[in-house]
Amino acid sequence: MPYRTYPSYRDRLRQDMYFLTRNGRLSEHLVDKIILQLNRVYPQILTNKEAEKFRNPKALLHIRLSDLISHLQKKGDKHCQEFYRALQINAEQLYNDLPSRKILKTSASTGIDTDKENYFLTDRDPMFFLACFSVAAGLALFMYCWNPGTEGRVL
């Protein structure tokens, strides 16, 4: 099976940015919770000063969220991954509806081509099973009846 490479969290965040910043997707309360989680649980991701900047109620939510996502993308893949973790914890349904999640689910969640796998599982019909079982039972009966150490044995 060929090795698959998945997009980085930074690439996924770039892909999901429009979806996340559309009006009504994330409430102000939810954005604040994500920012606080990134700041308190992972202070290396967002410093206190950065958290205050992205929680500024004077700026529009859309602008603050866009700035936060851009900031995380500049910092690197680990920072973007932690954003996704915070989003999953605080808004699991929204996390599951992300475009990048849907692509990952459909492309190869298990790495198995289900059409081929289905073919391999149903390749043998019941007659094949009966033929194999009959051969095994016949060999067992033959070995039992014609064993040289058991003279005069009859079924």
C-alpha atoms as a PDB file:
ATOM      1  CA  MET A   1       0.000   0.000   0.000  1.00  0.00           C
ATOM      2  CA  PRO A   2       1.509   3.363  -0.896  1.00  0.00           C
ATOM      3  CA  TYR A   3       2.291   5.763   1.921  1.00  0.00           C
ATOM      4  CA  ARG A   4      -0.181   8.634   2.085  1.00  0.00           C
ATOM      5  CA  THR A   5       0.781  12.083   3.195  1.00  0.00           C
ATOM      6  CA  TYR A   6      -1.862  14.160   4.861  1.00  0.00           C
ATOM      7  CA  PRO A   7      -1.979  17.951   4.733  1.00  0.00           C
ATOM      8  CA  SER A   8      -0.314  19.764   7.615  1.00  0.00           C
ATOM      9  CA  TYR A   9      -2.458  21.469  10.228  1.00  0.00           C
ATOM     10  CA  ARG A  10      -1.291  24.785   8.807  1.00  0.00           C
ATOM     11  CA  ASP A  11      -2.598  23.803   5.351  1.00  0.00           C
ATOM     12  CA  ARG A  12      -5.823  22.498   6.832  1.00  0.00           C
ATOM     13  CA  LEU A  13      -6.342  25.748   8.725  1.00  0.00           C
ATOM     14  CA  ARG A  14      -5.768  27.721   5.535  1.00  0.00           C
ATOM     15  CA  GLN A  15      -8.402  25.538   3.864  1.00  0.00           C
ATOM     16  CA  ASP A  16     -10.889  25.909   6.747  1.00  0.00           C
ATOM     17  CA  MET A  17     -10.381  29.649   7.312  1.00  0.00           C
ATOM     18  CA  TYR A  18     -13.311  30.806   5.178  1.00  0.00           C
ATOM     19  CA  PHE A  19     -15.601  28.203   6.734  1.00  0.00           C
ATOM     20  CA  LEU A  20     -14.635  29.289  10.260  1.00  0.00           C
ATOM     21  CA  THR A  21     -14.804  33.030   9.680  1.00  0.00           C
ATOM     22  CA  ARG A  22     -18.196  33.052   7.980  1.00  0.00           C
ATOM     23  CA  ASN A  23     -20.797  34.905  10.024  1.00  0.00           C
ATOM     24  CA  GLY A  24     -22.596  32.782  12.540  1.00  0.00           C
ATOM     25  CA  ARG A  25     -20.221  29.807  12.571  1.00  0.00           C
ATOM     26  CA  LEU A  26     -18.417  30.758  15.773  1.00  0.00           C
ATOM     27  CA  SER A  27     -19.994  32.891  18.458  1.00  0.00           C
ATOM     28  CA  GLU A  28     -18.035  35.488  20.372  1.00  0.00           C
ATOM     29  CA  HIS A  29     -18.329  33.344  23.483  1.00  0.00           C
ATOM     30  CA  LEU A  30     -16.898  30.308  21.682  1.00  0.00           C
ATOM     31  CA  VAL A  31     -14.001  32.274  20.197  1.00  0.00           C
ATOM     32  CA  ASP A  32     -13.200  33.608  23.667  1.00  0.00           C
ATOM     33  CA  LYS A  33     -13.236  30.085  25.096  1.00  0.00           C
ATOM     34  CA  ILE A  34     -10.833  28.882  22.397  1.00  0.00           C
ATOM     35  CA  ILE A  35      -8.512  31.831  22.969  1.00  0.00           C
ATOM     36  CA  LEU A  36      -8.564  31.318  26.730  1.00  0.00           C
ATOM     37  CA  GLN A  37      -7.837  27.618  26.335  1.00  0.00           C
ATOM     38  CA  LEU A  38      -4.897  28.320  24.043  1.00  0.00           C
ATOM     39  CA  ASN A  39      -3.647  30.922  26.517  1.00  0.00           C
ATOM     40  CA  ARG A  40      -4.175  29.072  29.798  1.00  0.00           C
ATOM     41  CA  VAL A  41      -3.569  25.466  28.829  1.00  0.00           C
ATOM     42  CA  TYR A  42      -0.874  26.216  26.266  1.00  0.00           C
ATOM     43  CA  PRO A  43       0.717  29.552  27.212  1.00  0.00           C
ATOM     44  CA  GLN A  44       3.482  28.889  24.689  1.00  0.00           C
ATOM     45  CA  ILE A  45       0.803  29.020  21.959  1.00  0.00           C
ATOM     46  CA  LEU A  46      -0.750  32.361  22.991  1.00  0.00           C
ATOM     47  CA  THR A  47       0.818  34.755  25.460  1.00  0.00           C
ATOM     48  CA  ASN A  48      -1.323  36.912  27.742  1.00  0.00           C
ATOM     49  CA  LYS A  49      -0.702  39.941  25.540  1.00  0.00           C
ATOM     50  CA  GLU A  50      -1.711  38.042  22.367  1.00  0.00           C
ATOM     51  CA  ALA A  51      -4.813  36.652  24.073  1.00  0.00           C
ATOM     52  CA  GLU A  52      -5.893  40.138  25.118  1.00  0.00           C
ATOM     53  CA  LYS A  53      -5.408  41.371  21.562  1.00  0.00           C
ATOM     54  CA  PHE A  54      -7.593  38.601  20.091  1.00  0.00           C
ATOM     55  CA  ARG A  55     -10.255  39.021  22.800  1.00  0.00           C
ATOM     56  CA  ASN A  56     -10.598  42.782  22.247  1.00  0.00           C
ATOM     57  CA  PRO A  57     -14.364  43.425  22.160  1.00  0.00           C
ATOM     58  CA  LYS A  58     -13.847  46.658  20.196  1.00  0.00           C
ATOM     59  CA  ALA A  59     -12.744  44.719  17.103  1.00  0.00           C
ATOM     60  CA  LEU A  60     -15.210  42.780  14.972  1.00  0.00           C
ATOM     61  CA  LEU A  61     -15.380  39.048  15.664  1.00  0.00           C
ATOM     62  CA  HIS A  62     -14.629  38.224  12.031  1.00  0.00           C
ATOM     63  CA  ILE A  63     -11.458  40.351  12.106  1.00  0.00           C
ATOM     64  CA  ARG A  64     -10.291  38.943  15.458  1.00  0.00           C
ATOM     65  CA  LEU A  65     -10.799  35.364  14.310  1.00  0.00           C
ATOM     66  CA  SER A  66      -9.050  35.985  10.982  1.00  0.00           C
ATOM     67  CA  ASP A  67      -6.140  37.606  12.807  1.00  0.00           C
ATOM     68  CA  LEU A  68      -5.942  34.702  15.269  1.00  0.00           C
ATOM     69  CA  ILE A  69      -5.870  32.116  12.486  1.00  0.00           C
ATOM     70  CA  SER A  70      -3.237  34.071  10.547  1.00  0.00           C
ATOM     71  CA  HIS A  71      -1.167  34.454  13.702  1.00  0.00           C
ATOM     72  CA  LEU A  72      -1.281  30.701  14.408  1.00  0.00           C
ATOM     73  CA  GLN A  73      -0.370  29.873  10.816  1.00  0.00           C
ATOM     74  CA  LYS A  74       2.714  32.092  11.062  1.00  0.00           C
ATOM     75  CA  LYS A  75       3.779  30.392  14.293  1.00  0.00           C
ATOM     76  CA  GLY A  76       3.704  26.900  12.810  1.00  0.00           C
ATOM     77  CA  ASP A  77       1.999  23.543  12.545  1.00  0.00           C
ATOM     78  CA  LYS A  78       1.974  22.745  16.285  1.00  0.00           C
ATOM     79  CA  HIS A  79       0.121  25.968  17.043  1.00  0.00           C
ATOM     80  CA  CYS A  80      -2.473  25.186  14.369  1.00  0.00           C
ATOM     81  CA  GLN A  81      -2.866  21.671  15.756  1.00  0.00           C
ATOM     82  CA  GLU A  82      -3.610  23.073  19.215  1.00  0.00           C
ATOM     83  CA  PHE A  83      -6.221  25.388  17.694  1.00  0.00           C
ATOM     84  CA  TYR A  84      -7.937  22.340  16.184  1.00  0.00           C
ATOM     85  CA  ARG A  85      -7.764  20.557  19.535  1.00  0.00           C
ATOM     86  CA  ALA A  86      -9.363  23.547  21.279  1.00  0.00           C
ATOM     87  CA  LEU A  87     -12.027  23.742  18.582  1.00  0.00           C
ATOM     88  CA  GLN A  88     -12.794  20.030  18.943  1.00  0.00           C
ATOM     89  CA  ILE A  89     -13.124  20.338  22.731  1.00  0.00           C
ATOM     90  CA  ASN A  90     -15.333  23.433  22.627  1.00  0.00           C
ATOM     91  CA  ALA A  91     -17.363  22.869  19.435  1.00  0.00           C
ATOM     92  CA  GLU A  92     -17.192  19.233  18.387  1.00  0.00           C
ATOM     93  CA  GLN A  93     -20.027  19.417  15.856  1.00  0.00           C
ATOM     94  CA  LEU A  94     -18.445  22.379  14.095  1.00  0.00           C
ATOM     95  CA  TYR A  95     -15.073  20.581  14.185  1.00  0.00           C
ATOM     96  CA  ASN A  96     -16.624  17.526  12.509  1.00  0.00           C
ATOM     97  CA  ASP A  97     -18.210  19.731   9.825  1.00  0.00           C
ATOM     98  CA  LEU A  98     -14.920  21.355   8.771  1.00  0.00           C
ATOM     99  CA  PRO A  99     -14.141  20.963   5.054  1.00  0.00           C
ATOM    100  CA  SER A 100     -10.683  19.545   5.793  1.00  0.00           C
ATOM    101  CA  ARG A 101     -12.188  16.892   8.106  1.00  0.00           C
ATOM    102  CA  LYS A 102     -14.643  15.802   5.431  1.00  0.00           C
ATOM    103  CA  ILE A 103     -11.828  15.452   2.897  1.00  0.00           C
ATOM    104  CA  LEU A 104      -9.753  13.411   5.344  1.00  0.00           C
ATOM    105  CA  LYS A 105     -12.705  11.148   6.137  1.00  0.00           C
ATOM    106  CA  THR A 106     -13.554  10.468   2.503  1.00  0.00           C
ATOM    107  CA  SER A 107     -10.015  10.196   1.128  1.00  0.00           C
ATOM    108  CA  ALA A 108      -8.708   7.410   3.307  1.00  0.00           C
ATOM    109  CA  SER A 109      -9.838   7.157   6.864  1.00  0.00           C
ATOM    110  CA  THR A 110      -8.696   3.535   6.965  1.00  0.00           C
ATOM    111  CA  GLY A 111      -6.382   3.387   3.990  1.00  0.00           C
ATOM    112  CA  ILE A 112      -8.405   0.536   2.457  1.00  0.00           C
ATOM    113  CA  ASP A 113     -10.163   0.750  -0.858  1.00  0.00           C
ATOM    114  CA  THR A 114     -13.586  -0.453   0.267  1.00  0.00           C
ATOM    115  CA  ASP A 115     -14.640  -1.612  -3.193  1.00  0.00           C
ATOM    116  CA  LYS A 116     -11.609  -3.878  -3.530  1.00  0.00           C
ATOM    117  CA  GLU A 117     -11.900  -5.058   0.074  1.00  0.00           C
ATOM    118  CA  ASN A 118     -15.525  -5.977  -0.502  1.00  0.00           C
ATOM    119  CA  TYR A 119     -14.512  -7.963  -3.573  1.00  0.00           C
ATOM    120  CA  PHE A 120     -11.831  -9.858  -1.659  1.00  0.00           C
ATOM    121  CA  LEU A 121     -14.202 -10.740   1.155  1.00  0.00           C
ATOM    122  CA  THR A 122     -16.925 -12.038  -1.160  1.00  0.00           C
ATOM    123  CA  ASP A 123     -14.619 -13.692  -3.693  1.00  0.00           C
ATOM    124  CA  ARG A 124     -15.332 -17.186  -2.333  1.00  0.00           C
ATOM    125  CA  ASP A 125     -18.770 -18.654  -2.552  1.00  0.00           C
ATOM    126  CA  PRO A 126     -20.292 -21.343  -0.273  1.00  0.00           C
ATOM    127  CA  MET A 127     -19.263 -24.141  -2.641  1.00  0.00           C
ATOM    128  CA  PHE A 128     -15.617 -23.242  -2.130  1.00  0.00           C
ATOM    129  CA  PHE A 129     -16.085 -23.540   1.622  1.00  0.00           C
ATOM    130  CA  LEU A 130     -17.840 -26.912   1.264  1.00  0.00           C
ATOM    131  CA  ALA A 131     -15.110 -28.226  -1.031  1.00  0.00           C
ATOM    132  CA  CYS A 132     -12.348 -27.231   1.400  1.00  0.00           C
ATOM    133  CA  PHE A 133     -14.251 -28.656   4.356  1.00  0.00           C
ATOM    134  CA  SER A 134     -14.886 -31.934   2.496  1.00  0.00           C
ATOM    135  CA  VAL A 135     -11.203 -32.314   1.618  1.00  0.00           C
ATOM    136  CA  ALA A 136     -10.184 -31.650   5.245  1.00  0.00           C
ATOM    137  CA  ALA A 137     -12.795 -34.064   6.618  1.00  0.00           C
ATOM    138  CA  GLY A 138     -11.784 -36.713   4.055  1.00  0.00           C
ATOM    139  CA  LEU A 139      -8.118 -36.423   4.996  1.00  0.00           C
ATOM    140  CA  ALA A 140      -8.937 -36.656   8.694  1.00  0.00           C
ATOM    141  CA  LEU A 141     -11.066 -39.761   8.126  1.00  0.00           C
ATOM    142  CA  PHE A 142      -8.373 -41.335   5.956  1.00  0.00           C
ATOM    143  CA  MET A 143      -5.683 -40.680   8.581  1.00  0.00           C
ATOM    144  CA  TYR A 144      -7.912 -42.086  11.317  1.00  0.00           C
ATOM    145  CA  CYS A 145      -8.905 -45.270   9.502  1.00  0.00           C
ATOM    146  CA  TRP A 146      -5.632 -46.161   7.779  1.00  0.00           C
ATOM    147  CA  ASN A 147      -3.166 -45.427  10.544  1.00  0.00           C
ATOM    148  CA  PRO A 148      -0.642 -48.352  10.527  1.00  0.00           C
ATOM    149  CA  GLY A 149      -0.526 -48.546  14.336  1.00  0.00           C
ATOM    150  CA  THR A 150      -4.210 -49.350  14.692  1.00  0.00           C
ATOM    151  CA  GLU A 151      -4.751 -52.739  12.999  1.00  0.00           C
ATOM    152  CA  GLY A 152      -8.243 -54.050  12.978  1.00  0.00           C
ATOM    153  CA  ARG A 153      -9.850 -50.809  13.912  1.00  0.00           C
ATOM    154  CA  VAL A 154     -13.188 -50.186  12.279  1.00  0.00           C
ATOM    155  CA  LEU A 155     -15.404 -47.187  12.484  1.00  0.00           C
END
